Amino acid sequence: LADPADSVVFVFRVESTSQIEEFVHNDPYVRNGLVTSWKIRQWNVVVG
């Protein structure tokens, strides 16, 4: 996100959150302290 650059957003399409959690734990931004917190939320797409 821009102005301010204080967040990053990812859209995943998977059956469960395990693949997302694996991504997070392997991400150099997370491992090196650039990410202060993270959360996963299910997104119910209704248009598109």
All heavy atoms as atom14 arrays in JSON, in Angstrom:
{
  "sequence": "LADPADSVVFVFRVESTSQIEEFVHNDPYVRNGLVTSWKIRQWNVVVG",
  "atom14_mask": [
    [1, 1, 1, 1, 1, 1, 1, 1, 0, 0, 0, 0, 0, 0],
    [1, 1, 1, 1, 1, 0, 0, 0, 0, 0, 0, 0, 0, 0],
    [1, 1, 1, 1, 1, 1, 1, 1, 0, 0, 0, 0, 0, 0],
    [1, 1, 1, 1, 1, 1, 1, 0, 0, 0, 0, 0, 0, 0],
    [1, 1, 1, 1, 1, 0, 0, 0, 0, 0, 0, 0, 0, 0],
    [1, 1, 1, 1, 1, 1, 1, 1, 0, 0, 0, 0, 0, 0],
    [1, 1, 1, 1, 1, 1, 0, 0, 0, 0, 0, 0, 0, 0],
    [1, 1, 1, 1, 1, 1, 1, 0, 0, 0, 0, 0, 0, 0],
    [1, 1, 1, 1, 1, 1, 1, 0, 0, 0, 0, 0, 0, 0],
    [1, 1, 1, 1, 1, 1, 1, 1, 1, 1, 1, 0, 0, 0],
    [1, 1, 1, 1, 1, 1, 1, 0, 0, 0, 0, 0, 0, 0],
    [1, 1, 1, 1, 1, 1, 1, 1, 1, 1, 1, 0, 0, 0],
    [1, 1, 1, 1, 1, 1, 1, 1, 1, 1, 1, 0, 0, 0],
    [1, 1, 1, 1, 1, 1, 1, 0, 0, 0, 0, 0, 0, 0],
    [1, 1, 1, 1, 1, 1, 1, 1, 1, 0, 0, 0, 0, 0],
    [1, 1, 1, 1, 1, 1, 0, 0, 0, 0, 0, 0, 0, 0],
    [1, 1, 1, 1, 1, 1, 1, 0, 0, 0, 0, 0, 0, 0],
    [1, 1, 1, 1, 1, 1, 0, 0, 0, 0, 0, 0, 0, 0],
    [1, 1, 1, 1, 1, 1, 1, 1, 1, 0, 0, 0, 0, 0],
    [1, 1, 1, 1, 1, 1, 1, 1, 0, 0, 0, 0, 0, 0],
    [1, 1, 1, 1, 1, 1, 1, 1, 1, 0, 0, 0, 0, 0],
    [1, 1, 1, 1, 1, 1, 1, 1, 1, 0, 0, 0, 0, 0],
    [1, 1, 1, 1, 1, 1, 1, 1, 1, 1, 1, 0, 0, 0],
    [1, 1, 1, 1, 1, 1, 1, 0, 0, 0, 0, 0, 0, 0],
    [1, 1, 1, 1, 1, 1, 1, 1, 1, 1, 0, 0, 0, 0],
    [1, 1, 1, 1, 1, 1, 1, 1, 0, 0, 0, 0, 0, 0],
    [1, 1, 1, 1, 1, 1, 1, 1, 0, 0, 0, 0, 0, 0],
    [1, 1, 1, 1, 1, 1, 1, 0, 0, 0, 0, 0, 0, 0],
    [1, 1, 1, 1, 1, 1, 1, 1, 1, 1, 1, 1, 0, 0],
    [1, 1, 1, 1, 1, 1, 1, 0, 0, 0, 0, 0, 0, 0],
    [1, 1, 1, 1, 1, 1, 1, 1, 1, 1, 1, 0, 0, 0],
    [1, 1, 1, 1, 1, 1, 1, 1, 0, 0, 0, 0, 0, 0],
    [1, 1, 1, 1, 0, 0, 0, 0, 0, 0, 0, 0, 0, 0],
    [1, 1, 1, 1, 1, 1, 1, 1, 0, 0, 0, 0, 0, 0],
    [1, 1, 1, 1, 1, 1, 1, 0, 0, 0, 0, 0, 0, 0],
    [1, 1, 1, 1, 1, 1, 1, 0, 0, 0, 0, 0, 0, 0],
    [1, 1, 1, 1, 1, 1, 0, 0, 0, 0, 0, 0, 0, 0],
    [1, 1, 1, 1, 1, 1, 1, 1, 1, 1, 1, 1, 1, 1],
    [1, 1, 1, 1, 1, 1, 1, 1, 1, 0, 0, 0, 0, 0],
    [1, 1, 1, 1, 1, 1, 1, 1, 0, 0, 0, 0, 0, 0],
    [1, 1, 1, 1, 1, 1, 1, 1, 1, 1, 1, 0, 0, 0],
    [1, 1, 1, 1, 1, 1, 1, 1, 1, 0, 0, 0, 0, 0],
    [1, 1, 1, 1, 1, 1, 1, 1, 1, 1, 1, 1, 1, 1],
    [1, 1, 1, 1, 1, 1, 1, 1, 0, 0, 0, 0, 0, 0],
    [1, 1, 1, 1, 1, 1, 1, 0, 0, 0, 0, 0, 0, 0],
    [1, 1, 1, 1, 1, 1, 1, 0, 0, 0, 0, 0, 0, 0],
    [1, 1, 1, 1, 1, 1, 1, 0, 0, 0, 0, 0, 0, 0],
    [1, 1, 1, 1, 0, 0, 0, 0, 0, 0, 0, 0, 0, 0]
  ],
  "atom14_positions": [
    [[0.85, -1.18, 0.0], [0.0, 0.0, 0.0], [0.89, 1.23, 0.0], [2.03, 1.2, 0.48], [-0.91, 0.0, 1.23], [-1.86, -1.19, 1.34], [-2.73, -1.06, 2.58], [-2.73, -1.34, 0.1], [0.0, 0.0, 0.0], [0.0, 0.0, 0.0], [0.0, 0.0, 0.0], [0.0, 0.0, 0.0], [0.0, 0.0, 0.0], [0.0, 0.0, 0.0]],
    [[0.39, 2.32, -0.57], [1.18, 3.53, -0.7], [0.61, 4.67, 0.13], [-0.58, 4.68, 0.45], [1.24, 3.95, -2.17], [0.0, 0.0, 0.0], [0.0, 0.0, 0.0], [0.0, 0.0, 0.0], [0.0, 0.0, 0.0], [0.0, 0.0, 0.0], [0.0, 0.0, 0.0], [0.0, 0.0, 0.0], [0.0, 0.0, 0.0], [0.0, 0.0, 0.0]],
    [[1.47, 5.6, 0.45], [1.08, 6.86, 1.1], [0.2, 6.69, 2.31], [-0.95, 7.09, 2.3], [0.43, 7.8, 0.09], [1.37, 8.16, -1.04], [2.56, 8.37, -0.76], [0.92, 8.23, -2.18], [0.0, 0.0, 0.0], [0.0, 0.0, 0.0], [0.0, 0.0, 0.0], [0.0, 0.0, 0.0], [0.0, 0.0, 0.0], [0.0, 0.0, 0.0]],
    [[0.68, 6.12, 3.38], [2.05, 5.68, 3.66], [2.27, 4.22, 3.27], [1.31, 3.45, 3.2], [2.16, 5.85, 5.16], [0.78, 5.56, 5.68], [-0.14, 6.09, 4.6], [0.0, 0.0, 0.0], [0.0, 0.0, 0.0], [0.0, 0.0, 0.0], [0.0, 0.0, 0.0], [0.0, 0.0, 0.0], [0.0, 0.0, 0.0], [0.0, 0.0, 0.0]],
    [[3.52, 3.87, 3.07], [3.9, 2.49, 2.74], [4.05, 1.71, 4.04], [5.14, 1.4, 4.49], [5.2, 2.48, 1.95], [0.0, 0.0, 0.0], [0.0, 0.0, 0.0], [0.0, 0.0, 0.0], [0.0, 0.0, 0.0], [0.0, 0.0, 0.0], [0.0, 0.0, 0.0], [0.0, 0.0, 0.0], [0.0, 0.0, 0.0], [0.0, 0.0, 0.0]],
    [[2.9, 1.41, 4.66], [2.92, 0.77, 5.98], [2.31, -0.62, 6.0], [2.29, -1.27, 7.04], [2.2, 1.65, 7.0], [0.74, 1.9, 6.64], [0.3, 1.48, 5.54], [0.04, 2.51, 7.45], [0.0, 0.0, 0.0], [0.0, 0.0, 0.0], [0.0, 0.0, 0.0], [0.0, 0.0, 0.0], [0.0, 0.0, 0.0], [0.0, 0.0, 0.0]],
    [[1.83, -1.09, 4.85], [1.17, -2.4, 4.79], [1.41, -3.04, 3.43], [1.64, -2.35, 2.44], [-0.34, -2.26, 4.99], [-0.64, -1.66, 6.23], [0.0, 0.0, 0.0], [0.0, 0.0, 0.0], [0.0, 0.0, 0.0], [0.0, 0.0, 0.0], [0.0, 0.0, 0.0], [0.0, 0.0, 0.0], [0.0, 0.0, 0.0], [0.0, 0.0, 0.0]],
    [[1.3, -4.35, 3.42], [1.38, -5.13, 2.19], [0.18, -6.07, 2.2], [-0.2, -6.59, 3.24], [2.69, -5.95, 2.13], [2.79, -6.75, 0.85], [3.9, -5.04, 2.29], [0.0, 0.0, 0.0], [0.0, 0.0, 0.0], [0.0, 0.0, 0.0], [0.0, 0.0, 0.0], [0.0, 0.0, 0.0], [0.0, 0.0, 0.0], [0.0, 0.0, 0.0]],
    [[-0.43, -6.27, 1.02], [-1.62, -7.13, 0.9], [-1.36, -8.18, -0.17], [-0.83, -7.88, -1.25], [-2.87, -6.3, 0.55], [-4.09, -7.2, 0.44], [-3.1, -5.19, 1.55], [0.0, 0.0, 0.0], [0.0, 0.0, 0.0], [0.0, 0.0, 0.0], [0.0, 0.0, 0.0], [0.0, 0.0, 0.0], [0.0, 0.0, 0.0], [0.0, 0.0, 0.0]],
    [[-1.74, -9.41, 0.14], [-1.62, -10.53, -0.79], [-3.01, -11.16, -0.95], [-3.75, -11.26, 0.02], [-0.71, -11.62, -0.22], [0.68, -11.17, 0.13], [0.93, -10.54, 1.34], [1.73, -11.41, -0.73], [2.21, -10.15, 1.7], [3.03, -11.03, -0.38], [3.26, -10.4, 0.83], [0.0, 0.0, 0.0], [0.0, 0.0, 0.0], [0.0, 0.0, 0.0]],
    [[-3.31, -11.61, -2.16], [-4.53, -12.38, -2.41], [-4.1, -13.79, -2.78], [-3.43, -13.99, -3.8], [-5.38, -11.77, -3.55], [-6.61, -12.62, -3.81], [-5.76, -10.32, -3.23], [0.0, 0.0, 0.0], [0.0, 0.0, 0.0], [0.0, 0.0, 0.0], [0.0, 0.0, 0.0], [0.0, 0.0, 0.0], [0.0, 0.0, 0.0], [0.0, 0.0, 0.0]],
    [[-4.48, -14.74, -1.96], [-4.18, -16.15, -2.21], [-5.46, -16.87, -2.59], [-6.55, -16.48, -2.18], [-3.61, -16.82, -0.96], [-2.17, -16.5, -0.69], [-1.82, -15.38, 0.06], [-1.16, -17.32, -1.16], [-0.49, -15.09, 0.32], [0.17, -17.04, -0.91], [0.5, -15.91, -0.16], [0.0, 0.0, 0.0], [0.0, 0.0, 0.0], [0.0, 0.0, 0.0]],
    [[-5.33, -17.93, -3.33], [-6.45, -18.82, -3.65], [-5.99, -20.24, -3.37], [-5.28, -20.86, -4.17], [-6.87, -18.66, -5.1], [-8.17, -19.38, -5.41], [-8.77, -18.83, -6.7], [-10.03, -19.46, -6.97], [-10.22, -20.46, -7.82], [-9.2, -20.94, -8.52], [-11.41, -20.98, -8.01], [0.0, 0.0, 0.0], [0.0, 0.0, 0.0], [0.0, 0.0, 0.0]],
    [[-6.38, -20.74, -2.19], [-5.95, -22.05, -1.72], [-7.09, -22.71, -0.94], [-8.08, -22.07, -0.61], [-4.7, -21.94, -0.8], [-3.49, -21.45, -1.59], [-4.95, -21.02, 0.37], [0.0, 0.0, 0.0], [0.0, 0.0, 0.0], [0.0, 0.0, 0.0], [0.0, 0.0, 0.0], [0.0, 0.0, 0.0], [0.0, 0.0, 0.0], [0.0, 0.0, 0.0]],
    [[-6.93, -23.99, -0.66], [-7.95, -24.73, 0.08], [-7.88, -24.47, 1.57], [-8.89, -24.52, 2.26], [-7.81, -26.23, -0.21], [-8.17, -26.58, -1.63], [-8.05, -28.07, -1.92], [-7.72, -28.84, -1.0], [-8.28, -28.45, -3.07], [0.0, 0.0, 0.0], [0.0, 0.0, 0.0], [0.0, 0.0, 0.0], [0.0, 0.0, 0.0], [0.0, 0.0, 0.0]],
    [[-6.67, -24.24, 2.1], [-6.51, -23.98, 3.53], [-5.4, -22.96, 3.73], [-4.63, -22.68, 2.82], [-6.2, -25.27, 4.28], [-4.86, -25.65, 4.07], [0.0, 0.0, 0.0], [0.0, 0.0, 0.0], [0.0, 0.0, 0.0], [0.0, 0.0, 0.0], [0.0, 0.0, 0.0], [0.0, 0.0, 0.0], [0.0, 0.0, 0.0], [0.0, 0.0, 0.0]],
    [[-5.29, -22.48, 4.94], [-4.29, -21.45, 5.22], [-2.87, -22.01, 5.39], [-1.93, -21.23, 5.5], [-4.68, -20.66, 6.48], [-4.74, -21.56, 7.59], [-5.99, -19.94, 6.28], [0.0, 0.0, 0.0], [0.0, 0.0, 0.0], [0.0, 0.0, 0.0], [0.0, 0.0, 0.0], [0.0, 0.0, 0.0], [0.0, 0.0, 0.0], [0.0, 0.0, 0.0]],
    [[-2.7, -23.3, 5.39], [-1.37, -23.87, 5.63], [-0.34, -23.41, 4.6], [0.81, -23.14, 4.95], [-1.42, -25.39, 5.71], [-1.85, -25.94, 4.49], [0.0, 0.0, 0.0], [0.0, 0.0, 0.0], [0.0, 0.0, 0.0], [0.0, 0.0, 0.0], [0.0, 0.0, 0.0], [0.0, 0.0, 0.0], [0.0, 0.0, 0.0], [0.0, 0.0, 0.0]],
    [[-0.73, -23.28, 3.34], [0.21, -22.82, 2.31], [0.55, -21.35, 2.52], [1.67, -20.93, 2.27], [-0.38, -23.02, 0.92], [-0.44, -24.49, 0.52], [-1.16, -24.66, -0.79], [-2.38, -24.48, -0.86], [-0.44, -25.01, -1.82], [0.0, 0.0, 0.0], [0.0, 0.0, 0.0], [0.0, 0.0, 0.0], [0.0, 0.0, 0.0], [0.0, 0.0, 0.0]],
    [[-0.41, -20.57, 3.01], [-0.15, -19.16, 3.28], [0.79, -19.04, 4.47], [1.74, -18.24, 4.44], [-1.47, -18.41, 3.54], [-2.41, -18.55, 2.34], [-1.18, -16.94, 3.82], [-3.82, -18.06, 2.6], [0.0, 0.0, 0.0], [0.0, 0.0, 0.0], [0.0, 0.0, 0.0], [0.0, 0.0, 0.0], [0.0, 0.0, 0.0], [0.0, 0.0, 0.0]],
    [[0.56, -19.82, 5.51], [1.42, -19.79, 6.68], [2.84, -20.2, 6.32], [3.81, -19.62, 6.81], [0.85, -20.68, 7.77], [-0.43, -20.11, 8.35], [-1.23, -21.1, 9.18], [-0.83, -22.29, 9.26], [-2.25, -20.69, 9.74], [0.0, 0.0, 0.0], [0.0, 0.0, 0.0], [0.0, 0.0, 0.0], [0.0, 0.0, 0.0], [0.0, 0.0, 0.0]],
    [[2.99, -21.17, 5.44], [4.31, -21.58, 4.98], [4.99, -20.43, 4.24], [6.19, -20.16, 4.43], [4.2, -22.81, 4.07], [5.53, -23.31, 3.57], [5.41, -24.54, 2.68], [4.36, -25.21, 2.68], [6.39, -24.83, 1.97], [0.0, 0.0, 0.0], [0.0, 0.0, 0.0], [0.0, 0.0, 0.0], [0.0, 0.0, 0.0], [0.0, 0.0, 0.0]],
    [[4.23, -19.73, 3.39], [4.75, -18.57, 2.68], [5.27, -17.54, 3.68], [6.4, -17.04, 3.56], [3.65, -17.95, 1.81], [4.06, -16.71, 1.08], [4.59, -16.76, -0.19], [3.91, -15.46, 1.68], [4.97, -15.61, -0.86], [4.29, -14.3, 1.03], [4.83, -14.38, -0.25], [0.0, 0.0, 0.0], [0.0, 0.0, 0.0], [0.0, 0.0, 0.0]],
    [[4.46, -17.22, 4.68], [4.84, -16.22, 5.69], [6.13, -16.63, 6.38], [7.06, -15.82, 6.51], [3.71, -16.02, 6.73], [4.18, -15.19, 7.91], [2.48, -15.4, 6.08], [0.0, 0.0, 0.0], [0.0, 0.0, 0.0], [0.0, 0.0, 0.0], [0.0, 0.0, 0.0], [0.0, 0.0, 0.0], [0.0, 0.0, 0.0], [0.0, 0.0, 0.0]],
    [[6.22, -17.86, 6.83], [7.39, -18.31, 7.58], [8.66, -18.38, 6.74], [9.76, -18.34, 7.29], [7.1, -19.64, 8.27], [6.03, -19.52, 9.31], [6.14, -18.71, 10.41], [4.8, -20.08, 9.4], [5.05, -18.78, 11.15], [4.21, -19.61, 10.54], [0.0, 0.0, 0.0], [0.0, 0.0, 0.0], [0.0, 0.0, 0.0], [0.0, 0.0, 0.0]],
    [[8.49, -18.44, 5.42], [9.65, -18.45, 4.52], [10.0, -17.07, 3.97], [11.0, -16.91, 3.28], [9.41, -19.41, 3.36], [9.48, -20.84, 3.8], [10.37, -21.23, 4.55], [8.53, -21.65, 3.36], [0.0, 0.0, 0.0], [0.0, 0.0, 0.0], [0.0, 0.0, 0.0], [0.0, 0.0, 0.0], [0.0, 0.0, 0.0], [0.0, 0.0, 0.0]],
    [[9.17, -16.08, 4.23], [9.35, -14.75, 3.65], [10.52, -14.01, 4.34], [10.51, -13.83, 5.55], [8.07, -13.93, 3.79], [8.1, -12.65, 2.97], [9.2, -12.16, 2.64], [7.01, -12.14, 2.66], [0.0, 0.0, 0.0], [0.0, 0.0, 0.0], [0.0, 0.0, 0.0], [0.0, 0.0, 0.0], [0.0, 0.0, 0.0], [0.0, 0.0, 0.0]],
    [[11.51, -13.58, 3.55], [12.64, -12.85, 4.12], [12.22, -11.57, 4.86], [12.89, -11.17, 5.81], [13.51, -12.51, 2.91], [13.12, -13.49, 1.88], [11.68, -13.81, 2.12], [0.0, 0.0, 0.0], [0.0, 0.0, 0.0], [0.0, 0.0, 0.0], [0.0, 0.0, 0.0], [0.0, 0.0, 0.0], [0.0, 0.0, 0.0], [0.0, 0.0, 0.0]],
    [[11.15, -10.93, 4.44], [10.67, -9.74, 5.15], [10.25, -10.11, 6.57], [10.51, -9.36, 7.51], [9.49, -9.1, 4.42], [9.82, -8.38, 3.13], [8.8, -7.91, 2.33], [11.12, -8.15, 2.71], [9.06, -7.23, 1.15], [11.39, -7.48, 1.53], [10.35, -7.01, 0.75], [10.62, -6.33, -0.42], [0.0, 0.0, 0.0], [0.0, 0.0, 0.0]],
    [[9.6, -11.23, 6.73], [9.17, -11.68, 8.05], [10.37, -12.13, 8.87], [10.56, -11.71, 10.02], [8.12, -12.81, 7.95], [7.78, -13.38, 9.31], [6.87, -12.32, 7.22], [0.0, 0.0, 0.0], [0.0, 0.0, 0.0], [0.0, 0.0, 0.0], [0.0, 0.0, 0.0], [0.0, 0.0, 0.0], [0.0, 0.0, 0.0], [0.0, 0.0, 0.0]],
    [[11.19, -12.98, 8.28], [12.35, -13.54, 9.0], [13.34, -12.48, 9.44], [14.07, -12.68, 10.41], [13.06, -14.56, 8.12], [12.28, -15.84, 7.94], [13.11, -16.88, 7.25], [13.87, -16.24, 6.18], [14.24, -16.83, 5.07], [13.95, -18.08, 4.86], [14.91, -16.19, 4.16], [0.0, 0.0, 0.0], [0.0, 0.0, 0.0], [0.0, 0.0, 0.0]],
    [[13.37, -11.34, 8.75], [14.35, -10.3, 9.07], [13.74, -9.09, 9.77], [14.35, -8.02, 9.83], [15.1, -9.88, 7.8], [16.02, -10.99, 7.34], [17.08, -11.2, 7.91], [15.59, -11.74, 6.34], [0.0, 0.0, 0.0], [0.0, 0.0, 0.0], [0.0, 0.0, 0.0], [0.0, 0.0, 0.0], [0.0, 0.0, 0.0], [0.0, 0.0, 0.0]],
    [[12.53, -9.25, 10.3], [11.95, -8.24, 11.16], [11.33, -7.04, 10.49], [11.03, -6.05, 11.16], [0.0, 0.0, 0.0], [0.0, 0.0, 0.0], [0.0, 0.0, 0.0], [0.0, 0.0, 0.0], [0.0, 0.0, 0.0], [0.0, 0.0, 0.0], [0.0, 0.0, 0.0], [0.0, 0.0, 0.0], [0.0, 0.0, 0.0], [0.0, 0.0, 0.0]],
    [[11.12, -7.07, 9.18], [10.48, -5.95, 8.51], [8.96, -5.98, 8.68], [8.3, -4.96, 8.56], [10.82, -5.94, 7.02], [12.14, -5.24, 6.67], [13.32, -5.99, 7.21], [12.25, -5.06, 5.18], [0.0, 0.0, 0.0], [0.0, 0.0, 0.0], [0.0, 0.0, 0.0], [0.0, 0.0, 0.0], [0.0, 0.0, 0.0], [0.0, 0.0, 0.0]],
    [[8.41, -7.15, 8.96], [6.98, -7.31, 9.19], [6.76, -7.33, 10.7], [7.3, -8.18, 11.4], [6.46, -8.61, 8.53], [4.99, -8.84, 8.87], [6.67, -8.56, 7.02], [0.0, 0.0, 0.0], [0.0, 0.0, 0.0], [0.0, 0.0, 0.0], [0.0, 0.0, 0.0], [0.0, 0.0, 0.0], [0.0, 0.0, 0.0], [0.0, 0.0, 0.0]],
    [[5.96, -6.38, 11.18], [5.71, -6.28, 12.61], [4.54, -7.16, 13.05], [4.5, -7.61, 14.19], [5.42, -4.82, 13.02], [4.29, -4.34, 12.28], [6.64, -3.94, 12.74], [0.0, 0.0, 0.0], [0.0, 0.0, 0.0], [0.0, 0.0, 0.0], [0.0, 0.0, 0.0], [0.0, 0.0, 0.0], [0.0, 0.0, 0.0], [0.0, 0.0, 0.0]],
    [[3.6, -7.42, 12.14], [2.5, -8.34, 12.41], [1.88, -8.76, 11.08], [2.05, -8.09, 10.07], [1.45, -7.7, 13.32], [0.8, -6.63, 12.65], [0.0, 0.0, 0.0], [0.0, 0.0, 0.0], [0.0, 0.0, 0.0], [0.0, 0.0, 0.0], [0.0, 0.0, 0.0], [0.0, 0.0, 0.0], [0.0, 0.0, 0.0], [0.0, 0.0, 0.0]],
    [[1.18, -9.88, 11.13], [0.49, -10.36, 9.94], [-0.78, -11.07, 10.37], [-0.9, -11.54, 11.49], [1.38, -11.26, 9.09], [1.94, -12.46, 9.79], [3.09, -12.52, 10.53], [1.38, -13.78, 9.83], [3.28, -13.78, 11.02], [2.24, -14.58, 10.61], [0.24, -14.36, 9.29], [2.0, -15.93, 10.85], [-0.01, -15.69, 9.53], [0.87, -16.46, 10.3]],
    [[-1.75, -11.11, 9.42], [-2.98, -11.84, 9.68], [-3.55, -12.33, 8.35], [-3.31, -11.75, 7.3], [-4.0, -10.99, 10.42], [-4.56, -9.82, 9.64], [-5.57, -9.05, 10.48], [-6.03, -7.81, 9.73], [-6.97, -7.02, 10.52], [0.0, 0.0, 0.0], [0.0, 0.0, 0.0], [0.0, 0.0, 0.0], [0.0, 0.0, 0.0], [0.0, 0.0, 0.0]],
    [[-4.28, -13.42, 8.45], [-4.93, -14.04, 7.3], [-6.43, -13.96, 7.52], [-6.92, -14.28, 8.59], [-4.52, -15.52, 7.16], [-3.01, -15.65, 6.96], [-5.28, -16.18, 6.02], [-2.49, -17.08, 7.07], [0.0, 0.0, 0.0], [0.0, 0.0, 0.0], [0.0, 0.0, 0.0], [0.0, 0.0, 0.0], [0.0, 0.0, 0.0], [0.0, 0.0, 0.0]],
    [[-7.14, -13.54, 6.47], [-8.6, -13.46, 6.54], [-9.19, -14.1, 5.29], [-8.71, -13.87, 4.18], [-9.06, -11.99, 6.59], [-8.61, -11.19, 7.78], [-9.39, -11.5, 9.03], [-10.83, -11.46, 8.87], [-11.59, -10.38, 9.07], [-11.04, -9.24, 9.42], [-12.9, -10.46, 8.9], [0.0, 0.0, 0.0], [0.0, 0.0, 0.0], [0.0, 0.0, 0.0]],
    [[-10.24, -14.88, 5.47], [-10.96, -15.44, 4.32], [-11.7, -14.3, 3.63], [-12.24, -13.41, 4.28], [-11.95, -16.5, 4.75], [-12.6, -17.19, 3.58], [-13.5, -18.34, 4.0], [-13.47, -18.78, 5.13], [-14.29, -18.82, 3.07], [0.0, 0.0, 0.0], [0.0, 0.0, 0.0], [0.0, 0.0, 0.0], [0.0, 0.0, 0.0], [0.0, 0.0, 0.0]],
    [[-11.7, -14.34, 2.31], [-12.33, -13.28, 1.51], [-13.42, -13.91, 0.66], [-13.14, -14.74, -0.21], [-11.28, -12.6, 0.65], [-11.75, -11.42, -0.13], [-12.76, -10.56, 0.18], [-11.2, -10.95, -1.36], [-12.87, -9.58, -0.76], [-11.91, -9.8, -1.73], [-10.16, -11.39, -2.18], [-11.64, -9.07, -2.89], [-9.89, -10.67, -3.33], [-10.61, -9.52, -3.68]],
    [[-14.65, -13.56, 0.91], [-15.79, -14.06, 0.14], [-16.03, -13.14, -1.05], [-16.62, -12.07, -0.9], [-17.04, -14.14, 1.01], [-16.87, -15.14, 2.13], [-16.33, -16.22, 1.93], [-17.32, -14.77, 3.31], [0.0, 0.0, 0.0], [0.0, 0.0, 0.0], [0.0, 0.0, 0.0], [0.0, 0.0, 0.0], [0.0, 0.0, 0.0], [0.0, 0.0, 0.0]],
    [[-15.55, -13.53, -2.21], [-15.69, -12.72, -3.42], [-17.13, -12.86, -3.91], [-17.62, -13.97, -4.11], [-14.69, -13.18, -4.5], [-14.9, -12.41, -5.79], [-13.27, -13.04, -3.99], [0.0, 0.0, 0.0], [0.0, 0.0, 0.0], [0.0, 0.0, 0.0], [0.0, 0.0, 0.0], [0.0, 0.0, 0.0], [0.0, 0.0, 0.0], [0.0, 0.0, 0.0]],
    [[-17.81, -11.72, -4.1], [-19.21, -11.77, -4.54], [-19.41, -11.16, -5.93], [-20.44, -11.39, -6.55], [-20.15, -11.07, -3.53], [-20.16, -11.83, -2.22], [-19.77, -9.63, -3.31], [0.0, 0.0, 0.0], [0.0, 0.0, 0.0], [0.0, 0.0, 0.0], [0.0, 0.0, 0.0], [0.0, 0.0, 0.0], [0.0, 0.0, 0.0], [0.0, 0.0, 0.0]],
    [[-18.45, -10.4, -6.42], [-18.53, -9.82, -7.75], [-17.2, -10.04, -8.44], [-16.15, -9.81, -7.86], [-18.83, -8.31, -7.7], [-18.79, -7.71, -9.1], [-20.17, -8.04, -7.04], [0.0, 0.0, 0.0], [0.0, 0.0, 0.0], [0.0, 0.0, 0.0], [0.0, 0.0, 0.0], [0.0, 0.0, 0.0], [0.0, 0.0, 0.0], [0.0, 0.0, 0.0]],
    [[-17.25, -10.51, -9.69], [-16.04, -10.71, -10.46], [-15.77, -12.17, -10.72], [-16.34, -13.05, -10.09], [0.0, 0.0, 0.0], [0.0, 0.0, 0.0], [0.0, 0.0, 0.0], [0.0, 0.0, 0.0], [0.0, 0.0, 0.0], [0.0, 0.0, 0.0], [0.0, 0.0, 0.0], [0.0, 0.0, 0.0], [0.0, 0.0, 0.0], [0.0, 0.0, 0.0]]
  ]
}
